[in-house]
Amino acid sequence: MVDTLKKYVENRIQLVKFELIGALANVGAGLFSSILLLVVGMFILLMFNFAIAFWLGQMFDSNALGFAIVGGVYTLIFIIYLSFSKDALETKVKDKIVTAALAGEEELFDNEENY
């Protein structure tokens, strides 16, 4: 009886380890994918920003003014973000991470109810 109980506890610990590894893998894969999309998106945005800055520079006969205008627009967007939506965005990101981490745990409970 004691040996059976020890084996059960060992198996249960091993199962929890595997679930933790699965949850970390899900979060890691999602994080990697998100970072990759962010980097590619930033390069695309950077190229469009250069194009707009040079275009504005030609319109005003000053490349420095074109880049200053683009920088000013982004400074304004940054200030608006900090003022209004920083906390809401952080909460959404945290919720996504927790949801991804707990997805494997929900599957375990569903499987245990079937036995």
Protein backbone atom coordinates (compact mmCIF):
# COMPACT_ATOMS: atom_id res chain seq x y z
CA MET A 1 0.00 0.00 0.00
CA VAL A 2 2.78 2.44 0.92
CA ASP A 3 4.68 1.62 -2.28
CA THR A 4 1.57 2.29 -4.34
CA LEU A 5 1.03 5.61 -2.59
CA LYS A 6 4.68 6.61 -3.15
CA LYS A 7 4.41 5.69 -6.83
CA TYR A 8 1.19 7.72 -7.14
CA VAL A 9 2.82 10.80 -5.57
CA GLU A 10 5.89 10.45 -7.81
CA ASN A 11 3.68 10.13 -10.90
CA ARG A 12 1.63 13.12 -9.84
CA ILE A 13 4.78 15.24 -9.35
CA GLN A 14 6.05 14.14 -12.76
CA LEU A 15 2.71 15.07 -14.34
CA VAL A 16 2.83 18.54 -12.78
CA LYS A 17 6.38 19.00 -14.09
CA PHE A 18 5.30 18.03 -17.61
CA GLU A 19 2.35 20.40 -17.46
CA LEU A 20 4.58 23.22 -16.29
CA ILE A 21 6.98 22.54 -19.14
CA GLY A 22 4.05 22.53 -21.59
CA ALA A 23 2.71 25.80 -20.22
CA LEU A 24 6.15 27.40 -20.41
CA ALA A 25 6.56 26.12 -23.96
CA ASN A 26 3.21 27.66 -24.94
CA VAL A 27 4.12 31.00 -23.39
CA GLY A 28 7.63 30.90 -24.88
CA ALA A 29 6.38 30.07 -28.37
CA GLY A 30 3.78 32.82 -28.20
CA LEU A 31 6.36 35.28 -26.91
CA PHE A 32 8.83 34.37 -29.65
CA SER A 33 6.18 34.73 -32.34
CA SER A 34 5.04 38.07 -30.94
CA ILE A 35 8.58 39.42 -30.75
CA LEU A 36 9.29 38.31 -34.31
CA LEU A 37 6.12 40.05 -35.57
CA LEU A 38 7.03 43.14 -33.56
CA VAL A 39 10.53 43.33 -35.04
CA VAL A 40 9.29 42.90 -38.62
CA GLY A 41 6.53 45.43 -38.00
CA MET A 42 9.03 47.91 -36.58
CA PHE A 43 11.23 47.62 -39.67
CA ILE A 44 8.23 48.21 -41.93
CA LEU A 45 7.17 51.19 -39.83
CA LEU A 46 10.72 52.52 -39.83
CA MET A 47 10.91 52.45 -43.61
CA PHE A 48 7.58 54.25 -43.96
CA ASN A 49 8.72 56.82 -41.40
CA PHE A 50 11.90 57.51 -43.39
CA ALA A 51 9.83 57.88 -46.55
CA ILE A 52 7.40 60.29 -44.89
CA ALA A 53 10.22 62.28 -43.26
CA PHE A 54 12.10 62.67 -46.55
CA TRP A 55 8.86 63.56 -48.37
CA LEU A 56 8.05 66.22 -45.78
CA GLY A 57 11.66 67.37 -45.99
CA GLN A 58 11.29 67.91 -49.73
CA MET A 59 8.04 69.80 -49.21
CA PHE A 60 9.64 72.15 -46.66
CA ASP A 61 13.10 72.17 -48.29
CA SER A 62 14.63 70.86 -45.06
CA ASN A 63 15.17 67.19 -44.26
CA ALA A 64 15.73 68.09 -40.62
CA LEU A 65 12.27 69.67 -40.46
CA GLY A 66 10.71 66.59 -42.07
CA PHE A 67 12.30 64.31 -39.47
CA ALA A 68 11.36 66.72 -36.68
CA ILE A 69 7.71 66.66 -37.75
CA VAL A 70 7.64 62.84 -37.82
CA GLY A 71 9.38 62.76 -34.42
CA GLY A 72 6.87 65.26 -33.06
CA VAL A 73 3.95 63.13 -34.20
CA TYR A 74 5.43 60.09 -32.42
CA THR A 75 6.11 62.15 -29.30
CA LEU A 76 2.46 63.22 -29.27
CA ILE A 77 1.31 59.59 -29.71
CA PHE A 78 3.63 58.54 -26.87
CA ILE A 79 2.25 61.19 -24.51
CA ILE A 80 -1.34 60.20 -25.34
CA TYR A 81 -0.47 56.53 -24.74
CA LEU A 82 1.09 57.27 -21.36
CA SER A 83 -1.87 59.43 -20.37
CA PHE A 84 -4.74 57.16 -21.32
CA SER A 85 -4.08 53.56 -22.25
CA LYS A 86 -0.85 52.31 -20.64
CA ASP A 87 -2.56 50.47 -17.76
CA ALA A 88 -5.25 48.94 -19.99
CA LEU A 89 -2.67 47.59 -22.42
CA GLU A 90 -0.52 46.16 -19.63
CA THR A 91 -3.57 44.40 -18.18
CA LYS A 92 -4.43 42.86 -21.57
CA VAL A 93 -0.87 41.57 -22.00
CA LYS A 94 -0.84 40.07 -18.50
CA ASP A 95 -4.21 38.41 -19.13
CA LYS A 96 -2.94 36.87 -22.38
CA ILE A 97 0.14 35.45 -20.65
CA VAL A 98 -1.88 33.97 -17.79
CA THR A 99 -4.44 32.51 -20.20
CA ALA A 100 -1.70 30.85 -22.25
CA ALA A 101 -0.02 29.48 -19.13
CA LEU A 102 -3.25 28.03 -17.76
CA ALA A 103 -4.43 26.48 -21.03
CA GLY A 104 -2.57 23.24 -20.31
CA GLU A 105 -3.96 23.08 -16.78
CA GLU A 106 -7.54 23.31 -18.04
CA GLU A 107 -6.91 20.38 -20.38
CA LEU A 108 -5.62 18.33 -17.45
CA PHE A 109 -8.73 18.99 -15.37
CA ASP A 110 -10.93 18.11 -18.34
CA ASN A 111 -9.08 14.83 -18.80
CA GLU A 112 -9.25 13.96 -15.09
CA GLU A 113 -13.03 14.48 -15.02
CA ASN A 114 -13.42 11.87 -17.76
CA TYR A 115 -11.80 9.15 -15.60
